Each structure stands twice: as C-alpha cells, then as structure tokens.
Amino acid sequence: MRGHGHDAYLVGGCVRDRLLGNVPKDYDISTSATPRQILSYFPGSQTVGAHFGVVLVGSPGGVHVEVATFRSETAYADGRHPDQVRFETDPALDAQRRDFTINALMEDPISGRVLDFVNGQADFQNKIIRAIGDPGRRFTEDHLRMLRAVRFAARFGFVIEPNTLAAIQRLAPLICRISAERIRDEILRILTGGNARRGFELLDETNLLIQILPEIKALQGVQQPPEFHPEGDVWTHVLLMLEQLRDPTPTLALGVLLHDAGKPPTFRIADRIRFDGHAEAGAEIARKRLSQLRFCNDDVEQVTSLVANHMRFKDVRQMRASTLKRFLRLPKFEEHLELHRLDCLASNGYTDTYEYVKSMMQELSHEEIRPPRLITGRDLLEAGYKSGPALGQALDAVETAQLEGEIHSRDEALAFAKSVLDPTGQKNA
C-alpha cells in the first residue's frame, strides 16, 4: 500500500504483544487507503466489515491479515457498534477512537518506529490499563470493553487506572446488555489466559462479577468447616484453585470455577457446617448458567459432570471394583482427577486420594476398565426373553459381575442374566 502512496502501520494487539516480547497470534494493519483501494491492491481479498472499512487480506502462506482504513466514529446507540464512521487519512484520529492506550500504538513495519498518539508507551512501561479519553464514554460506546479491561489487567499483570476503574464500577450493570456469547468468550479468556485468580478478583472489584456470575459472587462469606477447609470461605477456596490453574482446558477451568456453586443454597449448621447435596445442587446451577451463556452442549455436559462428581473421590477406597471402574471411565476423567487435585491443594493439602486414584489408573488396563461386552440385548432376545426395562437391568447386572471379575465368558454371562431375569417372569413360554 505504501507503494501506492498510502500510510500503513501495524496496530493494536500485535504491537502490544511485540513490545511484551511475545509472538502475536495475528496481525492488524491500519491504513489511509480506502476499502475499495485495498481490494484493488489485493485481488481476492474479502470485506469482513465494509461499513467499518475492514478488509481481510490473504497471503500466499495462508495467513490472513485484517486491514482497516483509518476512521473516526460517532455514538454507539447499541452499545457495540458506532452509528456512523468516517474514513480518515490521519492516524492520530484513528488512535483516538480505540479502547485503551496500550492498544492504540502503531508500528512502522519497516523502520520499527512506534507511533504513540495517546501516551500508550508510558502506560505500557508503568503497567497501567487506561481508557482513551473519557472512560465513561469509552464504556458506554462498547460495554464489553469493561470486561476487556479486566482481562488485559489480569493477563499482563497491569493495574486499572483509577478513573477507568471508577467508570467500570459505575457502569457495570450495562454489561448485561451485551450478548451472552460475547460475555461467555471474555469469561473463558479470563479463565484460561493466565492469572485467573487476579481476573476474578478484578471482576469483583469492578462490580462486574455480580452482574455476569451472581452464583460466584454468592460464594463470598460462606464459611466452611475449618477442619476440612482451613483456608476460609468458599470464595477464598475457589480463588486458591484458580491461582493454581496452568494452561487449563476451558471445561476444567469452568469446573474449578463452578464446582462449589451449590454450597450457598445448601449451607446449614448441625454438628458442624454442612453442605448436604451441594454437588448435585451445584451441577444444576452450572447447567443453567452455562446454558444461559450459550456454551455448546458438550461443554455443558462435561462441566456439569465435573461439578456433580467432584465429591465422589472421598469414597474411592470403599468403592466396589465395578463402581470404581465406572468412575474411572467417565468422559475426560483426567479433568475430574485434576479438579480433585486442585480441590485438595486449596483446602487441607492432602493428596493421598489423588495419588491412590492415579495409581489405580496406571494399574488397571484399558480392557479391565472398559471390557468388551460378553452379551448384548440381541443375545437375550434370541434366548427367548422379551424386550423391556428388565433386559437393560439384566445387562447392567452382567456388566457389574464382569467388572467385579465374577464372570469371564459368554456362557457365564448368559447364565447370570437368566438368573436375574427368570424370577421376573420375562421369559417367553
């Protein structure tokens, strides 16, 4: 584009990441060229936001770069998109409409010179997240910027500048106007981007937590039996677990966040503080919240399972062999085990049960945990039994006996199934 007389600079996150010494995940370019001109210079490019002057330019290596025309913007009536944009030729005007000073830096890709129209370099050096211009206006324009401020501060270990922080605290209820999908994505980035504990402390400090995750806000002040949880209340416990997350999967991170969501509604004091049925209650809370945030069904089911099953580890040494094997073959069991490890480290610190389960996983072969079925429903139908619930119960009983090591062959399985079914009168005359 420079060959055609236009200004063009790297801009935004890629410049910020390069200054941090990180390799950018993607690159954005800001230019004085109009979308029509960009398309003429790069045939085959796609307009991904023509109204906003954004063109997706592909390279022979398969890398795509977003190229956007310098622009200024009017008000944001919907809290997300500007009502009107005006294409500009001055990069300073383009910088002024961005969210935070550290995200408005531009870099000359040839000379490496950084253009700074908003004192972003000083904020970068002082580790400050500062809204450009009037913070209230920035967050009224796009409400999601409030969550982005938290994410950047947590990820980079920065602090939020006082006026910017005060504006978020005042405008926090506006976040509920944002689509569930956009909130979901920011929550995931905070949970998995590093420094999740700091992220959630900031969500609380900014008043955003109670708006987007009231179930987590409710953990604060809920005391726990000190003999099991010397660390303090449920909120403190969850923060300690978040602090220990290392490159977690999204579902594990969500499981950590929500695993004790059932404690506030089940809190009671008897002989000691108790939370009877909190795993089951928490599973329903998790399912409801994740569904509202538009998580996919597979993720909802996995997180719900993590929450529902997290208390079962205390019983593993007393489990029958069949029960333990079925437990070990839960989908993505490694996430269940890691959740349990973090749970222990954030409470009494005892990981003996974790080590026991880990050793059982190493001792038991795949075939022992998931042995091939000895018989099927068809075998029982061919043996003269009627289809119905009793058939399924008999097959479950056969599998239990197989997992217990009581039967090993098809003939033994058929004989065992008959001993279960015959007293029910299901066999055909």
Protein backbone atom coordinates (compact mmCIF):
# COMPACT_ATOMS: atom_id res chain seq x y z
CA MET A 1 0.00 0.00 0.00
CA ARG A 2 2.91 2.28 0.64
CA GLY A 3 3.93 1.75 -2.96
CA HIS A 4 0.65 3.43 -3.87
CA GLY A 5 1.31 6.42 -1.62
CA HIS A 6 -0.67 5.36 1.45
CA ASP A 7 0.32 5.19 5.12
CA ALA A 8 0.13 1.71 6.65
CA TYR A 9 1.04 0.59 10.16
CA LEU A 10 0.81 -2.45 12.39
CA VAL A 11 -1.69 -1.59 15.10
CA GLY A 12 -3.32 -2.80 18.31
CA GLY A 13 -2.69 -6.15 19.93
CA CYS A 14 0.16 -7.23 17.68
CA VAL A 15 2.17 -4.11 18.58
CA ARG A 16 1.37 -4.56 22.26
CA ASP A 17 2.41 -8.22 22.18
CA ARG A 18 5.65 -7.45 20.34
CA LEU A 19 6.55 -4.86 22.99
CA LEU A 20 5.88 -7.54 25.63
CA GLY A 21 8.28 -9.84 23.83
CA ASN A 22 5.54 -12.24 22.74
CA VAL A 23 4.83 -13.55 19.26
CA PRO A 24 1.49 -12.08 18.12
CA LYS A 25 -1.27 -14.54 17.28
CA ASP A 26 -2.47 -12.32 14.46
CA TYR A 27 -1.68 -9.02 12.83
CA ASP A 28 -3.84 -5.99 12.13
CA ILE A 29 -2.92 -3.15 9.82
CA SER A 30 -4.33 0.37 9.83
CA THR A 31 -4.01 2.42 6.66
CA SER A 32 -5.06 5.58 4.90
CA ALA A 33 -6.21 3.52 1.89
CA THR A 34 -9.97 3.09 1.46
CA PRO A 35 -11.57 -0.38 1.36
CA ARG A 36 -12.07 -0.06 -2.39
CA GLN A 37 -8.40 0.75 -2.87
CA ILE A 38 -7.32 -2.12 -0.60
CA LEU A 39 -9.42 -4.56 -2.61
CA SER A 40 -7.89 -3.31 -5.85
CA TYR A 41 -4.36 -3.77 -4.50
CA PHE A 42 -5.08 -7.27 -3.16
CA PRO A 43 -7.41 -9.12 -5.56
CA GLY A 44 -9.29 -11.96 -3.91
CA SER A 45 -9.47 -10.24 -0.53
CA GLN A 46 -12.74 -10.23 1.40
CA THR A 47 -14.68 -7.42 3.01
CA VAL A 48 -15.47 -8.51 6.56
CA GLY A 49 -16.73 -5.13 7.69
CA ALA A 50 -17.11 -2.90 4.68
CA HIS A 51 -19.12 -0.32 6.63
CA PHE A 52 -16.25 -0.07 9.11
CA GLY A 53 -13.53 -0.18 6.47
CA VAL A 54 -12.20 -3.66 7.29
CA VAL A 55 -10.79 -5.98 4.61
CA LEU A 56 -9.39 -9.47 5.15
CA VAL A 57 -6.26 -9.85 3.05
CA GLY A 58 -4.82 -13.29 2.38
CA SER A 59 -1.18 -14.12 1.74
CA PRO A 60 0.40 -16.98 -0.24
CA GLY A 61 1.37 -18.62 3.08
CA GLY A 62 -2.27 -18.88 4.11
CA VAL A 63 -2.03 -16.12 6.72
CA HIS A 64 -4.88 -13.62 6.77
CA VAL A 65 -4.43 -10.06 7.94
CA GLU A 66 -7.17 -7.58 8.81
CA VAL A 67 -6.53 -4.27 7.07
CA ALA A 68 -8.67 -1.36 8.23
CA THR A 69 -8.94 2.17 6.96
CA PHE A 70 -8.16 4.97 9.44
CA ARG A 71 -11.50 6.11 10.81
CA SER A 72 -13.29 8.21 13.39
CA GLU A 73 -16.65 7.26 14.88
CA THR A 74 -19.87 8.78 16.16
CA ALA A 75 -22.01 7.49 19.06
CA TYR A 76 -22.76 3.80 19.71
CA ALA A 77 -26.53 3.52 20.13
CA ASP A 78 -26.47 -0.27 20.57
CA GLY A 79 -23.54 -0.42 22.97
CA ARG A 80 -21.42 -2.28 20.46
CA HIS A 81 -21.25 -0.65 17.02
CA PRO A 82 -20.78 3.02 16.06
CA ASP A 83 -23.79 4.55 14.35
CA GLN A 84 -21.55 6.09 11.71
CA VAL A 85 -17.89 6.02 10.74
CA ARG A 86 -15.85 8.50 8.78
CA PHE A 87 -12.77 7.38 6.88
CA GLU A 88 -9.73 9.46 7.73
CA THR A 89 -6.18 9.99 6.48
CA ASP A 90 -4.74 10.99 9.87
CA PRO A 91 -3.61 8.01 12.04
CA ALA A 92 -3.98 10.13 15.19
CA LEU A 93 -7.74 10.29 14.67
CA ASP A 94 -7.83 6.52 14.29
CA ALA A 95 -5.95 6.07 17.57
CA GLN A 96 -8.38 8.27 19.47
CA ARG A 97 -11.37 6.03 18.80
CA ARG A 98 -9.75 2.87 20.25
CA ASP A 99 -10.35 1.40 23.71
CA PHE A 100 -7.16 1.52 25.79
CA THR A 101 -3.92 3.40 25.39
CA ILE A 102 -1.78 0.24 25.22
CA ASN A 103 -3.95 -1.00 22.33
CA ALA A 104 -3.67 2.20 20.26
CA LEU A 105 0.05 2.02 19.49
CA MET A 106 1.07 1.82 15.84
CA GLU A 107 4.33 0.48 14.48
CA ASP A 108 6.07 1.20 11.22
CA PRO A 109 6.75 -2.34 9.93
CA ILE A 110 9.82 -1.17 8.02
CA SER A 111 11.61 1.10 10.48
CA GLY A 112 10.15 -0.34 13.68
CA ARG A 113 9.27 3.16 14.86
CA VAL A 114 6.29 3.24 17.24
CA LEU A 115 3.67 5.95 16.74
CA ASP A 116 2.03 6.91 20.03
CA PHE A 117 -0.77 9.49 19.97
CA VAL A 118 -2.28 8.63 23.39
CA ASN A 119 0.73 8.18 25.73
CA GLY A 120 0.32 4.45 25.49
CA GLN A 121 4.04 3.74 25.82
CA ALA A 122 4.17 5.44 29.23
CA ASP A 123 1.16 3.39 30.40
CA PHE A 124 2.79 0.29 28.99
CA GLN A 125 6.00 0.95 30.90
CA ASN A 126 4.06 1.72 34.09
CA LYS A 127 1.80 -1.33 33.63
CA ILE A 128 -1.44 0.63 33.51
CA ILE A 129 -4.73 -0.10 31.72
CA ARG A 130 -6.18 3.30 30.87
CA ALA A 131 -9.18 4.11 28.70
CA ILE A 132 -8.53 6.60 25.93
CA GLY A 133 -10.20 9.94 26.60
CA ASP A 134 -13.30 9.87 28.78
CA PRO A 135 -13.61 6.35 30.31
CA GLY A 136 -17.37 6.68 30.71
CA ARG A 137 -17.75 7.42 27.02
CA ARG A 138 -15.49 4.50 26.02
CA PHE A 139 -17.54 2.02 28.06
CA THR A 140 -20.87 3.48 27.04
CA GLU A 141 -19.81 3.05 23.40
CA ASP A 142 -18.95 -0.62 23.78
CA HIS A 143 -19.90 -2.19 27.11
CA LEU A 144 -17.70 -5.24 26.52
CA ARG A 145 -14.65 -3.00 26.94
CA MET A 146 -15.23 -3.23 30.69
CA LEU A 147 -14.56 -6.97 30.63
CA ARG A 148 -11.64 -6.45 28.27
CA ALA A 149 -10.05 -4.06 30.79
CA VAL A 150 -10.22 -6.79 33.43
CA ARG A 151 -8.82 -9.40 31.06
CA PHE A 152 -5.87 -7.27 29.97
CA ALA A 153 -5.05 -6.25 33.55
CA ALA A 154 -5.09 -9.87 34.71
CA ARG A 155 -3.25 -11.29 31.73
CA PHE A 156 -0.41 -8.77 31.76
CA GLY A 157 -0.24 -8.11 35.50
CA PHE A 158 -1.23 -4.46 35.00
CA VAL A 159 -3.41 -2.24 37.19
CA ILE A 160 -6.52 -0.44 36.04
CA GLU A 161 -6.11 3.34 36.20
CA PRO A 162 -8.36 4.87 38.93
CA ASN A 163 -10.67 6.88 36.65
CA THR A 164 -11.03 3.91 34.33
CA LEU A 165 -11.77 1.65 37.30
CA ALA A 166 -14.33 4.06 38.74
CA ALA A 167 -16.13 4.26 35.39
CA ILE A 168 -16.38 0.46 35.19
CA GLN A 169 -17.70 0.26 38.75
CA ARG A 170 -20.36 2.86 37.93
CA LEU A 171 -21.38 1.40 34.58
CA ALA A 172 -21.09 -2.30 35.42
CA PRO A 173 -24.85 -3.00 35.05
CA LEU A 174 -24.55 -2.13 31.35
CA ILE A 175 -22.66 -5.38 30.79
CA CYS A 176 -25.99 -7.23 30.93
CA ARG A 177 -26.93 -5.61 27.61
CA ILE A 178 -24.11 -7.48 25.89
CA SER A 179 -24.90 -10.75 24.12
CA ALA A 180 -24.37 -13.92 26.13
CA GLU A 181 -21.90 -15.19 23.55
CA ARG A 182 -19.59 -12.18 23.90
CA ILE A 183 -19.68 -12.38 27.71
CA ARG A 184 -19.00 -16.13 27.51
CA ASP A 185 -15.92 -15.60 25.36
CA GLU A 186 -14.46 -12.99 27.71
CA ILE A 187 -15.07 -15.20 30.76
CA LEU A 188 -13.23 -18.03 29.04
CA ARG A 189 -10.32 -15.79 28.12
CA ILE A 190 -10.03 -14.60 31.72
CA LEU A 191 -10.14 -18.19 32.99
CA THR A 192 -7.62 -19.63 30.54
CA GLY A 193 -5.38 -16.68 29.63
CA GLY A 194 -3.26 -16.78 32.78
CA ASN A 195 -3.72 -15.16 36.21
CA ALA A 196 -7.33 -16.34 36.51
CA ARG A 197 -7.38 -15.55 40.22
CA ARG A 198 -6.43 -11.93 39.60
CA GLY A 199 -9.03 -11.78 36.85
CA PHE A 200 -11.82 -12.82 39.19
CA GLU A 201 -10.63 -10.54 41.96
CA LEU A 202 -10.85 -7.69 39.45
CA LEU A 203 -14.27 -8.81 38.26
CA ASP A 204 -15.39 -8.48 41.86
CA GLU A 205 -13.63 -5.16 42.41
CA THR A 206 -15.20 -3.68 39.27
CA ASN A 207 -18.74 -4.84 40.24
CA LEU A 208 -18.89 -6.96 37.10
CA LEU A 209 -18.89 -10.32 38.89
CA ILE A 210 -22.33 -9.92 40.44
CA GLN A 211 -23.70 -8.90 37.05
CA ILE A 212 -22.41 -11.81 34.97
CA LEU A 213 -21.87 -14.59 37.53
CA PRO A 214 -24.02 -13.95 40.62
CA GLU A 215 -23.55 -17.60 41.64
CA ILE A 216 -19.84 -16.95 42.11
CA LYS A 217 -20.40 -13.68 43.96
CA ALA A 218 -22.65 -15.67 46.33
CA LEU A 219 -19.64 -17.75 47.45
CA GLN A 220 -18.28 -14.79 49.40
CA GLY A 221 -18.73 -15.06 53.14
CA VAL A 222 -19.99 -18.66 53.03
CA GLN A 223 -17.96 -20.25 55.81
CA GLN A 224 -16.70 -23.84 55.68
CA PRO A 225 -15.80 -26.37 58.40
CA PRO A 226 -12.25 -25.39 59.41
CA GLU A 227 -11.19 -28.99 59.94
CA PHE A 228 -11.60 -29.57 56.21
CA HIS A 229 -11.14 -26.03 54.89
CA PRO A 230 -8.65 -24.07 56.97
CA GLU A 231 -8.24 -21.60 54.09
CA GLY A 232 -11.52 -19.79 54.83
CA ASP A 233 -14.77 -19.21 52.97
CA VAL A 234 -15.84 -20.77 49.67
CA TRP A 235 -14.77 -17.70 47.66
CA THR A 236 -11.23 -17.93 49.07
CA HIS A 237 -11.17 -21.65 48.28
CA VAL A 238 -12.13 -21.10 44.64
CA LEU A 239 -9.62 -18.26 44.26
CA LEU A 240 -6.85 -20.54 45.50
CA MET A 241 -7.84 -23.14 42.93
CA LEU A 242 -7.95 -20.57 40.14
CA GLU A 243 -4.49 -19.42 41.17
CA GLN A 244 -3.10 -22.90 40.52
CA LEU A 245 -4.58 -23.36 37.05
CA ARG A 246 -1.90 -23.92 34.42
CA ASP A 247 -2.98 -23.88 30.76
CA PRO A 248 -6.32 -25.48 31.62
CA THR A 249 -8.89 -26.70 29.15
CA PRO A 250 -11.98 -24.46 29.11
CA THR A 251 -14.10 -27.17 30.73
CA LEU A 252 -11.63 -27.80 33.55
CA ALA A 253 -11.38 -24.07 34.26
CA LEU A 254 -15.16 -23.77 34.33
CA GLY A 255 -15.38 -26.85 36.55
CA VAL A 256 -12.98 -25.25 39.04
CA LEU A 257 -14.98 -22.03 39.00
CA LEU A 258 -18.37 -23.70 39.49
CA HIS A 259 -17.58 -26.86 41.47
CA ASP A 260 -18.83 -25.40 44.78
CA ALA A 261 -21.63 -23.23 43.38
CA GLY A 262 -24.08 -25.43 45.30
CA LYS A 263 -22.67 -24.59 48.71
CA PRO A 264 -24.51 -21.30 49.38
CA PRO A 265 -28.01 -22.77 48.91
CA THR A 266 -27.19 -25.96 50.88
CA PHE A 267 -25.36 -24.33 53.80
CA ARG A 268 -26.55 -25.48 57.22
CA ILE A 269 -25.11 -25.88 60.71
CA ALA A 270 -25.71 -29.19 62.51
CA ASP A 271 -22.92 -30.92 64.40
CA ARG A 272 -20.72 -28.80 62.14
CA ILE A 273 -21.10 -26.74 58.99
CA ARG A 274 -22.57 -28.98 56.31
CA PHE A 275 -23.43 -28.71 52.61
CA ASP A 276 -25.59 -31.77 52.06
CA GLY A 277 -26.19 -32.40 48.36
CA HIS A 278 -24.12 -29.42 47.25
CA ALA A 279 -22.56 -31.31 44.33
CA GLU A 280 -25.97 -32.10 42.87
CA ALA A 281 -27.25 -28.57 43.54
CA GLY A 282 -24.10 -27.12 42.01
CA ALA A 283 -24.49 -29.25 38.90
CA GLU A 284 -27.92 -27.77 38.26
CA ILE A 285 -26.63 -24.24 38.87
CA ALA A 286 -23.75 -24.87 36.46
CA ARG A 287 -26.04 -26.30 33.79
CA LYS A 288 -28.37 -23.33 34.00
CA ARG A 289 -25.64 -20.67 33.89
CA LEU A 290 -23.65 -22.31 31.10
CA SER A 291 -26.78 -22.77 29.03
CA GLN A 292 -27.65 -19.10 29.51
CA LEU A 293 -24.14 -18.21 28.33
CA ARG A 294 -24.69 -20.29 25.20
CA PHE A 295 -21.98 -22.86 25.78
CA CYS A 296 -22.18 -25.86 23.46
CA ASN A 297 -23.95 -28.96 24.75
CA ASP A 298 -20.74 -31.00 25.04
CA ASP A 299 -19.13 -28.37 27.26
CA VAL A 300 -22.25 -28.02 29.39
CA GLU A 301 -22.39 -31.78 29.93
CA GLN A 302 -18.69 -32.05 30.80
CA VAL A 303 -18.70 -29.17 33.28
CA THR A 304 -21.93 -30.40 34.85
CA SER A 305 -20.33 -33.83 35.25
CA LEU A 306 -17.23 -32.31 36.85
CA VAL A 307 -19.37 -30.49 39.39
CA ALA A 308 -21.71 -33.42 40.05
CA ASN A 309 -18.92 -35.94 40.59
CA HIS A 310 -16.27 -33.94 42.44
CA MET A 311 -17.26 -35.28 45.88
CA ARG A 312 -17.08 -38.94 44.83
CA PHE A 313 -13.32 -39.06 45.31
CA LYS A 314 -13.73 -39.25 49.08
CA ASP A 315 -15.36 -42.68 48.65
CA VAL A 316 -12.98 -44.28 46.13
CA ARG A 317 -11.24 -46.54 48.67
CA GLN A 318 -14.58 -48.03 49.70
CA MET A 319 -15.94 -48.44 46.18
CA ARG A 320 -16.63 -51.85 44.72
CA ALA A 321 -14.36 -52.67 41.81
CA SER A 322 -17.21 -52.19 39.35
CA THR A 323 -18.12 -48.79 40.79
CA LEU A 324 -14.52 -47.60 40.70
CA LYS A 325 -14.02 -48.76 37.12
CA ARG A 326 -17.18 -46.98 36.00
CA PHE A 327 -15.97 -43.86 37.79
CA LEU A 328 -12.58 -44.03 36.06
CA ARG A 329 -14.18 -44.24 32.66
CA LEU A 330 -16.15 -41.04 32.93
CA PRO A 331 -15.51 -38.93 29.80
CA LYS A 332 -12.31 -36.87 30.15
CA PHE A 333 -11.61 -38.39 33.55
CA GLU A 334 -8.24 -36.63 33.61
CA GLU A 335 -10.17 -33.39 34.16
CA HIS A 336 -12.04 -34.91 37.11
CA LEU A 337 -8.75 -36.01 38.62
CA GLU A 338 -7.08 -32.63 38.13
CA LEU A 339 -10.08 -30.84 39.63
CA HIS A 340 -9.79 -33.10 42.67
CA ARG A 341 -6.06 -32.40 42.99
CA LEU A 342 -6.63 -28.65 42.90
CA ASP A 343 -9.51 -29.01 45.35
CA CYS A 344 -7.21 -30.77 47.83
CA LEU A 345 -4.34 -28.32 47.42
CA ALA A 346 -6.69 -25.40 48.05
CA SER A 347 -8.08 -26.91 51.26
CA ASN A 348 -6.29 -29.32 53.61
CA GLY A 349 -3.44 -30.06 51.21
CA TYR A 350 -3.81 -33.85 51.42
CA THR A 351 -3.42 -35.51 48.03
CA ASP A 352 -3.33 -39.16 49.14
CA THR A 353 -6.65 -39.94 47.45
CA TYR A 354 -5.41 -38.28 44.26
CA GLU A 355 -2.30 -40.47 44.35
CA TYR A 356 -4.40 -43.57 45.02
CA VAL A 357 -6.68 -42.94 42.03
CA LYS A 358 -3.72 -42.11 39.83
CA SER A 359 -2.07 -45.42 40.79
CA MET A 360 -5.29 -47.32 40.06
CA MET A 361 -5.43 -45.76 36.61
CA GLN A 362 -1.90 -46.98 35.98
CA GLU A 363 -2.53 -50.47 37.35
CA LEU A 364 -5.79 -51.14 35.52
CA SER A 365 -5.57 -51.76 31.81
CA HIS A 366 -7.96 -50.24 29.30
CA GLU A 367 -9.58 -53.67 28.87
CA GLU A 368 -10.15 -54.00 32.61
CA ILE A 369 -11.83 -50.60 32.83
CA ARG A 370 -13.75 -50.95 29.55
CA PRO A 371 -14.01 -54.68 28.81
CA PRO A 372 -15.90 -55.74 25.69
CA ARG A 373 -19.45 -56.80 26.47
CA LEU A 374 -19.89 -60.53 26.95
CA ILE A 375 -23.51 -60.45 25.75
CA THR A 376 -25.92 -57.96 24.17
CA GLY A 377 -29.65 -57.40 24.19
CA ARG A 378 -29.90 -59.38 20.98
CA ASP A 379 -28.43 -62.43 22.74
CA LEU A 380 -31.17 -62.24 25.37
CA LEU A 381 -33.90 -61.74 22.79
CA GLU A 382 -32.66 -64.79 20.90
CA ALA A 383 -32.70 -66.70 24.19
CA GLY A 384 -36.43 -66.02 24.40
CA TYR A 385 -36.68 -63.01 26.68
CA LYS A 386 -39.00 -60.09 25.98
CA SER A 387 -37.75 -56.62 25.27
CA GLY A 388 -38.23 -54.16 28.11
CA PRO A 389 -36.60 -52.39 31.05
CA ALA A 390 -35.79 -55.69 32.75
CA LEU A 391 -33.50 -56.58 29.85
CA GLY A 392 -31.45 -53.44 30.36
CA GLN A 393 -31.25 -54.07 34.10
CA ALA A 394 -30.03 -57.61 33.43
CA LEU A 395 -27.32 -56.35 31.08
CA ASP A 396 -26.19 -53.84 33.69
CA ALA A 397 -26.03 -56.62 36.27
CA VAL A 398 -23.98 -58.75 33.87
CA GLU A 399 -21.55 -55.89 33.27
CA THR A 400 -21.23 -55.34 37.03
CA ALA A 401 -20.40 -59.02 37.56
CA GLN A 402 -17.89 -58.83 34.70
CA LEU A 403 -16.21 -55.73 36.18
CA GLU A 404 -16.09 -57.48 39.57
CA GLY A 405 -14.29 -60.41 37.97
CA GLU A 406 -17.12 -62.85 38.77
CA ILE A 407 -17.81 -63.91 35.17
CA HIS A 408 -15.49 -64.12 32.17
CA SER A 409 -17.26 -65.83 29.26
CA ARG A 410 -20.36 -65.52 27.12
CA ASP A 411 -21.85 -68.70 28.61
CA GLU A 412 -21.30 -67.42 32.14
CA ALA A 413 -22.86 -64.10 31.19
CA LEU A 414 -25.95 -65.76 29.71
CA ALA A 415 -26.37 -67.93 32.79
CA PHE A 416 -26.00 -64.90 35.05
CA ALA A 417 -28.55 -62.91 33.01
CA LYS A 418 -31.01 -65.81 33.20
CA SER A 419 -30.63 -65.92 36.97
CA VAL A 420 -31.58 -62.24 37.04
CA LEU A 421 -34.44 -62.45 34.53
CA ASP A 422 -36.16 -65.71 35.30
CA PRO A 423 -37.60 -64.62 38.68
CA THR A 424 -39.22 -61.65 36.90
CA GLY A 425 -41.26 -63.84 34.62
CA GLN A 426 -39.92 -62.19 31.48
CA LYS A 427 -39.04 -65.41 29.68
CA ASN A 428 -41.45 -66.43 26.96
CA ALA A 429 -43.38 -69.63 27.45
